[in-house]
Amino acid sequence: MPTNGLHQVLKIQFGLVNDTDRYLTAESFGFKVNASAPSLKRKQMWVLEPDPGQGTAVLFRSSHLGRYLSAEEDGRVACEAERPGRDCRFLVLPQPDGRWVLQSEPHGRFFGGTEDQLSCFATAITPAELWTVHLAIHPQAHLLSVSRRRYAHLCPQEDEIAADSNTPWGVDALVTLIFQNRQYCLKSCDSRYLRSDGRLVWEPEARTRYTLEFKAGKLAFKDCDGRYLAPVGPAGTLRAGRNTRPGKDELFDLEESHPQVVLVAANHRYVSVRQGVNVSANQDEELDHETFLMQIDRETKKCTFYSSTGGYWTLVTHGGIQATATQVSASTMFEMEWRGRRVALKASNGRYVCMKKNGQLAAISDFVGEDEEFILKLINRPILVLRGLDGFVCHRRGSNQLDTNRSVYDVFHLSFSDGAYQIRGRGGGFWHTGSHGSVCSDGERAEDFLFEFRERGRLAIRARSGKYLRGGASGLLRADADAPAGVALWEY
């Protein structure tokens, strides 16, 4: 797989939660810090950076301000340093329960406190100096072993997760991080949890929970016995090894998980590259050759389709479409037009892609008819986590409604039928729209929702009323937006 934009290591952003469940916050006014926020938003996001001096210390940079946390000798803390100085260096001391203690490297004191009474002057560790790491990235990603340079994926035959794949292809390569009891679980695409002995189980028991550690921008997962997940043996089976310190074998990258899709043409056949370089609608089943990685350009909002054979769809002579391009260019870009349950694709020559009589695809049409419409199905999100501008989508406690501004997230299950998706939540209830645009999660019968992939990493969800789902000022999920933009776009 080429590296021009496909392999993208996620920048690890996180929040720090104190013992009273409040987030460390960097304020613009006076560059002060406090621990008053009840949820994880922009001002509560931090990035961990290694010490430029190559020591064991680390730096905490505010994602919001771009400035560094510092602690003076008298314990005063602020987030105003534009460049990291001596007072910005901290040591991270992981605790047995998964929480962190932050110690000023030059002064030896511990950082903690509550509300706006934060300082770095404590000489002993109390609950006020304990911080929980809460990742701020979208929790669905690909997991890459740093030492083996192989991706983790579910192996149904061996009933394990193994780091032995050259490419993160198909639904099996999706890993979902579940934040629970101040630690993280690794959930496979079939909704099972990875236990530290390598087994997959249905319930998030103690041995499925890991403490996150960061080393040189990489992640390590420490189990309840203080040992680290690593790929073991020739098969690369993921389980806790013998090491009590993370080396290269125990380090992982999280990479962005782009949508992988299949397309069905008007002849009810899957679009495929099984029989050569020509992209044709000629297959009756969806396997690797019928799966395409779809990436949306940030600027133009146009998309590319990358095949399992190693080439992008590209426009060639006489309007033909072949999967032969190794680099992204104007001829590999397609504009998507959403037409209810179908999508039309316009190539760089200004013409629509259609299915010819022999099944081959070609951009030769000036108008959209039946042969120019395709069913587009997302295959690598059988379980779904949605995040909007204000936070994650989560069941509202004691209600059948859904919040859109939570720091924690619920995992929803997707099913697909004829260009539409059905969303199922906790307890097996389906999402459905109620009166005045409300969205509820306790339906006995499935309701169809349309997914429109509008921006890189973001989709719009359209209800049967034709309105788009958005997060309202009340924090409730509603189907009352007229346009697929802003608060009506969801990171998935």
Protein backbone atom coordinates (compact mmCIF):
# COMPACT_ATOMS: atom_id res chain seq x y z
CA MET A 1 0.00 0.00 0.00
CA PRO A 2 1.50 3.41 -0.90
CA THR A 3 2.23 5.82 1.91
CA ASN A 4 0.97 9.06 0.33
CA GLY A 5 -1.74 9.82 2.85
CA LEU A 6 -2.97 6.29 3.56
CA HIS A 7 -0.80 5.41 6.58
CA GLN A 8 -1.40 8.24 9.03
CA VAL A 9 -0.36 7.83 12.65
CA LEU A 10 -2.87 9.56 14.86
CA LYS A 11 -1.55 12.44 16.95
CA ILE A 12 -2.23 11.28 20.48
CA GLN A 13 -4.32 13.89 22.26
CA PHE A 14 -5.72 13.23 25.70
CA GLY A 15 -7.32 14.74 28.76
CA LEU A 16 -6.09 14.45 32.35
CA VAL A 17 -8.81 13.77 34.92
CA ASN A 18 -8.21 14.38 38.63
CA ASP A 19 -9.56 12.49 41.60
CA THR A 20 -12.77 14.55 41.62
CA ASP A 21 -13.49 13.72 37.94
CA ARG A 22 -12.55 17.17 36.65
CA TYR A 23 -10.32 17.78 33.62
CA LEU A 24 -7.09 19.75 33.53
CA THR A 25 -7.91 22.91 31.57
CA ALA A 26 -5.69 25.51 29.89
CA GLU A 27 -7.40 28.92 29.86
CA SER A 28 -6.68 31.58 27.25
CA PHE A 29 -7.04 34.36 29.83
CA GLY A 30 -3.79 34.72 31.69
CA PHE A 31 -2.65 31.27 30.53
CA LYS A 32 -3.91 29.88 33.83
CA VAL A 33 -4.68 26.23 34.47
CA ASN A 34 -7.46 24.73 36.55
CA ALA A 35 -9.27 21.43 37.06
CA SER A 36 -12.90 22.57 36.89
CA ALA A 37 -14.27 21.18 33.60
CA PRO A 38 -16.67 18.20 33.87
CA SER A 39 -16.08 17.05 30.26
CA LEU A 40 -13.35 16.72 27.65
CA LYS A 41 -13.47 19.50 25.06
CA ARG A 42 -10.96 21.66 23.20
CA LYS A 43 -9.47 23.45 26.22
CA GLN A 44 -8.96 20.15 28.02
CA MET A 45 -6.87 18.44 25.32
CA TRP A 46 -3.12 17.91 25.75
CA VAL A 47 -0.31 16.39 23.68
CA LEU A 48 2.64 14.57 25.21
CA GLU A 49 6.02 15.40 23.67
CA PRO A 50 9.44 13.89 24.43
CA ASP A 51 12.05 16.07 26.08
CA PRO A 52 14.29 17.58 23.35
CA GLY A 53 17.25 16.79 25.59
CA GLN A 54 16.59 13.06 25.06
CA GLY A 55 16.07 12.50 28.78
CA THR A 56 13.27 10.58 30.48
CA ALA A 57 11.23 13.74 31.06
CA VAL A 58 8.26 14.70 28.90
CA LEU A 59 6.46 17.93 27.96
CA PHE A 60 2.73 18.67 28.13
CA ARG A 61 1.53 20.97 25.35
CA SER A 62 -1.98 22.39 25.29
CA SER A 63 -3.69 21.50 21.99
CA HIS A 64 -5.83 24.60 22.42
CA LEU A 65 -3.08 27.17 23.09
CA GLY A 66 -0.03 25.47 21.59
CA ARG A 67 1.85 26.37 24.79
CA TYR A 68 3.57 24.25 27.41
CA LEU A 69 2.68 23.45 30.99
CA SER A 70 5.33 24.64 33.45
CA ALA A 71 5.93 24.47 37.20
CA GLU A 72 8.14 26.96 39.01
CA GLU A 73 10.25 26.26 42.10
CA ASP A 74 7.59 27.75 44.38
CA GLY A 75 4.95 25.38 42.90
CA ARG A 76 3.12 27.91 40.71
CA VAL A 77 1.86 26.37 37.48
CA ALA A 78 0.86 27.97 34.18
CA CYS A 79 0.54 27.18 30.48
CA GLU A 80 2.20 30.15 28.81
CA ALA A 81 5.60 28.93 27.63
CA GLU A 82 5.80 29.20 23.84
CA ARG A 83 8.97 27.14 23.87
CA PRO A 84 9.77 24.41 26.39
CA GLY A 85 12.19 25.49 29.09
CA ARG A 86 13.63 23.79 32.16
CA ASP A 87 10.44 24.27 34.21
CA CYS A 88 8.36 22.48 31.53
CA ARG A 89 9.95 19.09 32.12
CA PHE A 90 7.89 16.49 33.98
CA LEU A 91 8.37 12.85 34.88
CA VAL A 92 5.37 10.55 34.45
CA LEU A 93 5.08 8.00 37.25
CA PRO A 94 2.42 5.36 36.39
CA GLN A 95 0.56 3.99 39.42
CA PRO A 96 -0.74 0.42 39.90
CA ASP A 97 -4.36 1.50 39.31
CA GLY A 98 -3.50 3.02 35.93
CA ARG A 99 -3.36 6.64 36.97
CA TRP A 100 -0.39 8.96 36.51
CA VAL A 101 1.58 11.09 38.91
CA LEU A 102 3.31 14.10 37.34
CA GLN A 103 6.55 15.14 39.00
CA SER A 104 8.50 18.28 38.13
CA GLU A 105 11.88 17.00 36.99
CA PRO A 106 13.96 20.04 38.07
CA HIS A 107 12.17 20.60 41.40
CA GLY A 108 11.07 17.09 42.43
CA ARG A 109 7.57 18.16 43.55
CA PHE A 110 4.26 16.57 42.54
CA PHE A 111 1.51 18.29 40.52
CA GLY A 112 -2.11 18.23 41.68
CA GLY A 113 -5.03 19.98 43.36
CA THR A 114 -8.65 20.81 42.67
CA GLU A 115 -10.61 23.53 40.83
CA ASP A 116 -8.36 26.62 40.49
CA GLN A 117 -6.11 25.56 43.38
CA LEU A 118 -3.52 23.67 41.33
CA SER A 119 0.14 23.62 42.26
CA CYS A 120 3.27 21.55 41.86
CA PHE A 121 4.56 21.72 45.42
CA ALA A 122 3.44 18.47 47.07
CA THR A 123 6.23 16.38 48.60
CA ALA A 124 4.08 13.26 48.89
CA ILE A 125 1.52 11.58 46.63
CA THR A 126 -2.11 11.87 47.77
CA PRO A 127 -5.33 11.33 45.77
CA ALA A 128 -5.11 14.99 44.68
CA GLU A 129 -1.92 14.18 42.73
CA LEU A 130 -3.41 11.27 40.75
CA TRP A 131 -4.47 11.84 37.12
CA THR A 132 -6.37 9.55 34.78
CA VAL A 133 -5.45 9.60 31.07
CA HIS A 134 -8.51 9.93 28.81
CA LEU A 135 -7.70 9.71 25.08
CA ALA A 136 -9.27 12.49 23.01
CA ILE A 137 -8.79 10.81 19.64
CA HIS A 138 -11.58 8.88 17.94
CA PRO A 139 -11.33 5.42 19.53
CA GLN A 140 -11.65 3.33 16.35
CA ALA A 141 -8.33 2.83 14.59
CA HIS A 142 -5.76 0.39 13.25
CA LEU A 143 -3.09 -0.94 15.61
CA LEU A 144 0.42 -1.28 14.19
CA SER A 145 3.18 -3.21 15.95
CA VAL A 146 6.29 -0.99 15.92
CA SER A 147 8.78 -3.88 16.01
CA ARG A 148 7.11 -6.15 13.45
CA ARG A 149 5.63 -3.42 11.24
CA ARG A 150 2.48 -5.52 11.00
CA TYR A 151 -1.13 -4.65 11.71
CA ALA A 152 -3.25 -6.32 14.35
CA HIS A 153 -6.38 -8.03 13.10
CA LEU A 154 -8.94 -10.55 14.26
CA CYS A 155 -8.18 -14.15 13.22
CA PRO A 156 -11.52 -15.97 13.54
CA GLN A 157 -10.04 -19.40 12.81
CA GLU A 158 -7.44 -19.15 15.58
CA ASP A 159 -9.77 -17.13 17.83
CA GLU A 160 -7.16 -14.48 18.52
CA ILE A 161 -5.87 -11.06 17.52
CA ALA A 162 -2.53 -11.27 15.71
CA ALA A 163 -0.11 -8.65 14.41
CA ASP A 164 0.75 -10.36 11.14
CA SER A 165 -0.96 -8.35 8.40
CA ASN A 166 0.95 -6.18 5.92
CA THR A 167 -2.09 -3.96 5.35
CA PRO A 168 -5.07 -3.04 7.55
CA TRP A 169 -7.51 -4.49 5.02
CA GLY A 170 -11.09 -5.42 5.77
CA VAL A 171 -13.25 -5.25 8.85
CA ASP A 172 -10.98 -7.57 10.87
CA ALA A 173 -8.33 -4.83 11.19
CA LEU A 174 -10.62 -2.47 13.11
CA VAL A 175 -9.81 -2.07 16.81
CA THR A 176 -12.01 -0.06 19.19
CA LEU A 177 -10.58 1.35 22.42
CA ILE A 178 -13.12 1.20 25.25
CA PHE A 179 -12.57 3.57 28.20
CA GLN A 180 -13.72 1.84 31.38
CA ASN A 181 -12.87 2.24 35.08
CA ARG A 182 -10.04 4.65 34.24
CA GLN A 183 -8.41 2.08 31.95
CA TYR A 184 -8.77 0.85 28.37
CA CYS A 185 -10.02 -2.33 26.76
CA LEU A 186 -9.29 -3.45 23.20
CA LYS A 187 -12.45 -4.53 21.39
CA SER A 188 -12.37 -6.57 18.19
CA CYS A 189 -14.71 -6.02 15.26
CA ASP A 190 -16.98 -8.83 16.50
CA SER A 191 -17.41 -7.03 19.87
CA ARG A 192 -15.12 -9.27 21.94
CA TYR A 193 -12.48 -8.03 24.37
CA LEU A 194 -8.80 -8.97 24.29
CA ARG A 195 -7.68 -10.59 27.54
CA SER A 196 -4.03 -10.39 28.58
CA ASP A 197 -3.54 -14.14 28.02
CA GLY A 198 -4.52 -13.68 24.35
CA ARG A 199 -8.07 -15.01 24.65
CA LEU A 200 -11.09 -13.11 23.36
CA VAL A 201 -14.02 -12.82 25.77
CA TRP A 202 -17.47 -11.25 25.61
CA GLU A 203 -17.38 -9.33 28.89
CA PRO A 204 -14.88 -6.60 29.95
CA GLU A 205 -13.40 -8.44 32.94
CA ALA A 206 -10.39 -7.25 34.97
CA ARG A 207 -7.83 -8.97 32.74
CA THR A 208 -9.15 -7.16 29.66
CA ARG A 209 -8.30 -3.73 31.08
CA TYR A 210 -4.99 -2.02 30.39
CA THR A 211 -3.17 1.06 31.56
CA LEU A 212 -1.90 3.26 28.73
CA GLU A 213 1.73 4.30 28.70
CA PHE A 214 3.43 6.58 26.22
CA LYS A 215 7.01 6.22 25.06
CA ALA A 216 8.51 8.41 22.31
CA GLY A 217 5.06 9.04 20.87
CA LYS A 218 4.14 5.35 20.87
CA LEU A 219 1.57 3.48 22.99
CA ALA A 220 2.07 0.56 25.35
CA PHE A 221 -0.69 -1.43 27.09
CA LYS A 222 0.09 -2.63 30.64
CA ASP A 223 -2.10 -5.35 32.15
CA CYS A 224 -3.18 -5.78 35.77
CA ASP A 225 0.00 -7.78 36.56
CA GLY A 226 2.29 -5.04 35.25
CA ARG A 227 3.15 -6.83 32.03
CA TYR A 228 2.75 -5.47 28.53
CA LEU A 229 0.88 -6.56 25.43
CA ALA A 230 3.18 -7.66 22.61
CA PRO A 231 3.01 -9.82 19.47
CA VAL A 232 4.24 -13.27 20.52
CA GLY A 233 5.50 -16.18 18.43
CA PRO A 234 5.60 -16.65 14.66
CA ALA A 235 1.90 -15.79 14.33
CA GLY A 236 2.28 -12.51 16.25
CA THR A 237 -0.50 -13.37 18.71
CA LEU A 238 -1.27 -10.37 20.94
CA ARG A 239 -0.93 -11.17 24.62
CA ALA A 240 0.97 -9.99 27.67
CA GLY A 241 4.60 -11.12 27.57
CA ARG A 242 7.18 -11.34 30.32
CA ASN A 243 8.48 -7.80 30.19
CA THR A 244 7.65 -5.36 32.98
CA ARG A 245 9.15 -2.46 31.03
CA PRO A 246 8.05 -1.53 27.51
CA GLY A 247 10.66 -2.14 24.84
CA LYS A 248 10.25 -1.94 21.08
CA ASP A 249 8.23 -5.18 21.00
CA GLU A 250 5.65 -3.68 23.36
CA LEU A 251 5.09 -0.43 21.43
CA PHE A 252 2.25 0.33 19.01
CA ASP A 253 1.07 3.10 16.72
CA LEU A 254 -2.58 3.97 16.28
CA GLU A 255 -3.37 4.76 12.65
CA GLU A 256 -6.43 6.46 11.22
CA SER A 257 -9.01 3.96 9.95
CA HIS A 258 -10.30 5.19 6.61
CA PRO A 259 -13.69 3.89 5.43
CA GLN A 260 -13.57 0.71 3.37
CA VAL A 261 -16.54 0.22 1.07
CA VAL A 262 -18.09 -2.02 -1.54
CA LEU A 263 -20.17 -0.73 -4.45
CA VAL A 264 -23.06 -2.47 -6.17
CA ALA A 265 -24.08 -1.41 -9.69
CA ALA A 266 -27.49 -1.49 -11.39
CA ASN A 267 -26.90 -5.09 -12.54
CA HIS A 268 -26.77 -6.08 -8.83
CA ARG A 269 -23.13 -7.10 -9.21
CA TYR A 270 -20.26 -5.93 -7.02
CA VAL A 271 -17.68 -3.56 -8.49
CA SER A 272 -14.39 -5.46 -8.59
CA VAL A 273 -10.79 -5.64 -9.83
CA ARG A 274 -10.73 -9.44 -9.70
CA GLN A 275 -10.27 -9.91 -13.46
CA GLY A 276 -7.57 -7.35 -14.16
CA VAL A 277 -6.91 -3.62 -14.09
CA ASN A 278 -10.32 -2.59 -15.43
CA VAL A 279 -12.82 -1.70 -12.73
CA SER A 280 -15.94 -3.72 -13.53
CA ALA A 281 -19.28 -4.61 -11.94
CA ASN A 282 -19.08 -8.37 -12.47
CA GLN A 283 -18.93 -10.22 -9.13
CA ASP A 284 -21.59 -11.88 -6.98
CA GLU A 285 -19.78 -11.70 -3.63
CA GLU A 286 -17.86 -9.12 -1.61
CA LEU A 287 -14.30 -10.21 -0.88
CA ASP A 288 -10.93 -8.42 -0.95
CA HIS A 289 -11.05 -7.66 -4.68
CA GLU A 290 -14.46 -6.04 -4.22
CA THR A 291 -13.38 -3.88 -1.26
CA PHE A 292 -12.03 -0.36 -1.77
CA LEU A 293 -10.47 2.03 0.69
CA MET A 294 -12.18 5.41 0.30
CA GLN A 295 -10.31 8.56 1.26
CA ILE A 296 -11.82 12.05 1.07
CA ASP A 297 -9.58 15.02 0.31
CA ARG A 298 -9.71 17.69 3.03
CA GLU A 299 -9.77 20.61 0.58
CA THR A 300 -11.86 19.52 -2.42
CA LYS A 301 -14.07 16.97 -0.56
CA LYS A 302 -13.55 14.66 -3.56
CA CYS A 303 -12.67 11.02 -2.93
CA THR A 304 -10.26 8.37 -4.11
CA PHE A 305 -10.80 4.60 -4.24
CA TYR A 306 -7.83 2.37 -3.50
CA SER A 307 -7.95 -1.34 -4.37
CA SER A 308 -6.55 -4.41 -2.62
CA THR A 309 -4.31 -4.96 -5.67
CA GLY A 310 -2.39 -1.77 -4.90
CA GLY A 311 -3.79 0.85 -7.27
CA TYR A 312 -6.10 3.84 -7.18
CA TRP A 313 -9.04 4.13 -9.54
CA THR A 314 -8.00 6.50 -12.30
CA LEU A 315 -9.54 7.96 -15.44
CA VAL A 316 -7.83 6.68 -18.59
CA THR A 317 -8.25 7.16 -22.34
CA HIS A 318 -11.81 7.14 -23.70
CA GLY A 319 -13.26 7.52 -20.20
CA GLY A 320 -12.30 4.10 -18.87
CA ILE A 321 -11.69 3.50 -15.15
CA GLN A 322 -8.70 1.37 -14.16
CA ALA A 323 -7.13 0.59 -10.77
CA THR A 324 -3.57 1.32 -11.83
CA ALA A 325 -2.53 4.70 -10.35
CA THR A 326 0.14 4.61 -7.65
CA GLN A 327 -0.17 8.29 -6.72
CA VAL A 328 -3.11 10.60 -6.03
CA SER A 329 -3.73 13.09 -8.84
CA ALA A 330 -6.63 14.93 -10.47
CA SER A 331 -7.52 11.86 -12.53
CA THR A 332 -7.93 9.71 -9.38
CA MET A 333 -10.40 12.13 -7.77
CA PHE A 334 -14.16 11.56 -7.94
CA GLU A 335 -16.94 13.86 -6.83
CA MET A 336 -19.73 12.13 -4.92
CA GLU A 337 -23.37 13.08 -5.41
CA TRP A 338 -25.70 11.66 -2.79
CA ARG A 339 -29.02 10.56 -4.26
CA GLY A 340 -30.99 9.04 -1.40
CA ARG A 341 -30.03 5.38 -1.11
CA ARG A 342 -27.65 5.66 -4.08
CA VAL A 343 -24.55 7.62 -5.00
CA ALA A 344 -23.30 8.93 -8.33
CA LEU A 345 -19.61 9.53 -9.09
CA LYS A 346 -18.33 12.31 -11.35
CA ALA A 347 -14.79 11.92 -12.72
CA SER A 348 -12.23 14.62 -13.48
CA ASN A 349 -13.47 14.92 -17.09
CA GLY A 350 -16.77 16.25 -15.74
CA ARG A 351 -18.71 13.13 -16.69
CA TYR A 352 -20.49 10.58 -14.54
CA VAL A 353 -19.21 7.05 -14.04
CA CYS A 354 -21.61 4.51 -15.53
CA MET A 355 -21.77 0.75 -15.95
CA LYS A 356 -21.38 -0.29 -19.57
CA LYS A 357 -23.17 -3.32 -21.00
CA ASN A 358 -20.13 -5.53 -20.41
CA GLY A 359 -20.01 -4.41 -16.74
CA GLN A 360 -16.93 -2.19 -17.09
CA LEU A 361 -17.04 1.26 -15.50
CA ALA A 362 -16.43 4.35 -17.60
CA ALA A 363 -16.89 8.09 -17.07
CA ILE A 364 -18.87 8.79 -20.25
CA SER A 365 -22.30 9.99 -19.10
CA ASP A 366 -23.59 13.56 -18.99
CA PHE A 367 -26.65 12.72 -16.90
CA VAL A 368 -27.51 10.37 -14.05
CA GLY A 369 -29.78 7.43 -14.76
CA GLU A 370 -30.01 3.91 -13.40
CA ASP A 371 -26.64 2.86 -14.84
CA GLU A 372 -24.92 5.82 -13.16
CA GLU A 373 -26.18 5.04 -9.66
CA PHE A 374 -24.43 2.77 -7.19
CA ILE A 375 -25.14 1.38 -3.75
CA LEU A 376 -22.20 2.25 -1.49
CA LYS A 377 -21.81 0.14 1.66
CA LEU A 378 -19.44 0.84 4.55
CA ILE A 379 -17.97 -2.51 5.64
CA ASN A 380 -15.36 -1.70 8.32
CA ARG A 381 -17.67 -0.20 10.94
CA PRO A 382 -19.86 -3.05 12.20
CA ILE A 383 -19.63 -1.25 15.52
CA LEU A 384 -19.85 2.52 15.50
CA VAL A 385 -18.70 5.38 17.75
CA LEU A 386 -19.91 8.87 16.81
CA ARG A 387 -18.34 12.15 17.88
CA GLY A 388 -19.69 15.61 17.07
CA LEU A 389 -18.38 19.11 17.73
CA ASP A 390 -19.41 18.98 21.39
CA GLY A 391 -18.50 15.41 22.29
CA PHE A 392 -19.48 11.78 21.83
CA VAL A 393 -22.94 10.29 21.32
CA CYS A 394 -24.05 8.36 24.38
CA HIS A 395 -27.29 7.07 25.89
CA ARG A 396 -28.84 9.60 28.26
CA ARG A 397 -29.11 8.12 31.72
CA GLY A 398 -32.66 7.13 32.62
CA SER A 399 -33.99 8.09 29.19
CA ASN A 400 -34.51 6.68 25.70
CA GLN A 401 -32.82 9.74 24.18
CA LEU A 402 -29.21 10.28 23.15
CA ASP A 403 -26.70 12.86 24.37
CA THR A 404 -24.22 14.42 21.92
CA ASN A 405 -21.85 16.19 24.32
CA ARG A 406 -20.38 13.41 26.45
CA SER A 407 -16.72 12.66 27.24
CA VAL A 408 -17.51 8.94 27.27
CA TYR A 409 -19.05 7.10 24.35
CA ASP A 410 -21.38 4.25 23.67
CA VAL A 411 -20.71 1.67 20.98
CA PHE A 412 -23.57 1.15 18.51
CA HIS A 413 -24.12 -1.73 16.10
CA LEU A 414 -24.73 -1.22 12.38
CA SER A 415 -26.68 -3.30 9.89
CA PHE A 416 -27.23 -2.48 6.22
CA SER A 417 -30.05 -2.92 3.74
CA ASP A 418 -30.47 -1.50 0.22
CA GLY A 419 -28.40 1.66 0.68
CA ALA A 420 -29.55 2.43 4.24
CA TYR A 421 -28.27 1.66 7.73
CA GLN A 422 -30.03 0.54 10.86
CA ILE A 423 -28.44 1.55 14.17
CA ARG A 424 -28.86 -0.56 17.30
CA GLY A 425 -27.85 0.52 20.78
CA ARG A 426 -27.72 -0.77 24.32
CA GLY A 427 -30.25 -3.50 25.04
CA GLY A 428 -30.83 -4.15 21.35
CA GLY A 429 -33.16 -1.18 20.79
CA PHE A 430 -33.08 0.51 17.38
CA TRP A 431 -32.65 4.21 16.73
CA HIS A 432 -35.83 5.86 15.52
CA THR A 433 -37.12 9.39 15.06
CA GLY A 434 -39.97 10.60 17.24
CA SER A 435 -42.03 13.75 17.43
CA HIS A 436 -40.45 17.14 16.65
CA GLY A 437 -37.25 15.54 15.36
CA SER A 438 -36.22 13.73 18.54
CA VAL A 439 -34.05 10.64 18.09
CA CYS A 440 -34.70 7.74 20.46
CA SER A 441 -32.87 4.46 20.96
CA ASP A 442 -35.54 2.02 22.11
CA GLY A 443 -37.27 1.09 18.86
CA GLU A 444 -38.54 -2.45 18.44
CA ARG A 445 -38.39 -2.14 14.65
CA ALA A 446 -35.46 -0.84 12.64
CA GLU A 447 -35.66 2.57 10.98
CA ASP A 448 -33.55 3.37 7.93
CA PHE A 449 -30.92 6.11 8.11
CA LEU A 450 -28.82 7.27 5.16
CA PHE A 451 -25.06 7.83 5.58
CA GLU A 452 -23.43 10.51 3.43
CA PHE A 453 -19.63 10.65 3.59
CA ARG A 454 -19.13 14.39 3.25
CA GLU A 455 -15.66 15.12 4.63
CA ARG A 456 -12.54 13.25 5.60
CA GLY A 457 -13.44 11.20 8.67
CA ARG A 458 -16.92 12.74 8.92
CA LEU A 459 -20.34 11.70 7.75
CA ALA A 460 -23.85 13.12 7.74
CA ILE A 461 -26.79 10.96 8.84
CA ARG A 462 -30.15 11.58 7.17
CA ALA A 463 -33.43 10.47 8.75
CA ARG A 464 -36.54 9.33 6.91
CA SER A 465 -37.91 12.88 7.21
CA GLY A 466 -35.08 14.10 4.97
CA LYS A 467 -33.55 16.06 7.85
CA TYR A 468 -30.01 15.50 9.10
CA LEU A 469 -29.06 14.43 12.62
CA ARG A 470 -27.34 17.11 14.68
CA GLY A 471 -26.33 17.88 18.23
CA GLY A 472 -28.59 20.61 19.57
CA ALA A 473 -27.90 23.26 22.21
CA SER A 474 -29.65 21.03 24.74
CA GLY A 475 -27.12 18.28 24.12
CA LEU A 476 -29.77 15.97 22.67
CA LEU A 477 -29.52 14.22 19.31
CA ARG A 478 -32.17 15.58 16.93
CA ALA A 479 -33.13 15.09 13.27
CA ASP A 480 -33.88 18.68 12.30
CA ALA A 481 -30.89 20.03 10.36
CA ASP A 482 -31.49 21.16 6.78
CA ALA A 483 -27.88 20.88 5.58
CA PRO A 484 -25.11 18.29 6.08
CA ALA A 485 -22.58 20.66 7.65
CA GLY A 486 -21.26 21.87 11.00
CA VAL A 487 -23.08 20.28 13.93
CA ALA A 488 -24.70 17.83 11.49
CA LEU A 489 -21.36 16.13 10.70
CA TRP A 490 -20.11 13.23 12.78
CA GLU A 491 -16.64 11.77 13.20
CA TYR A 492 -16.88 8.00 12.87
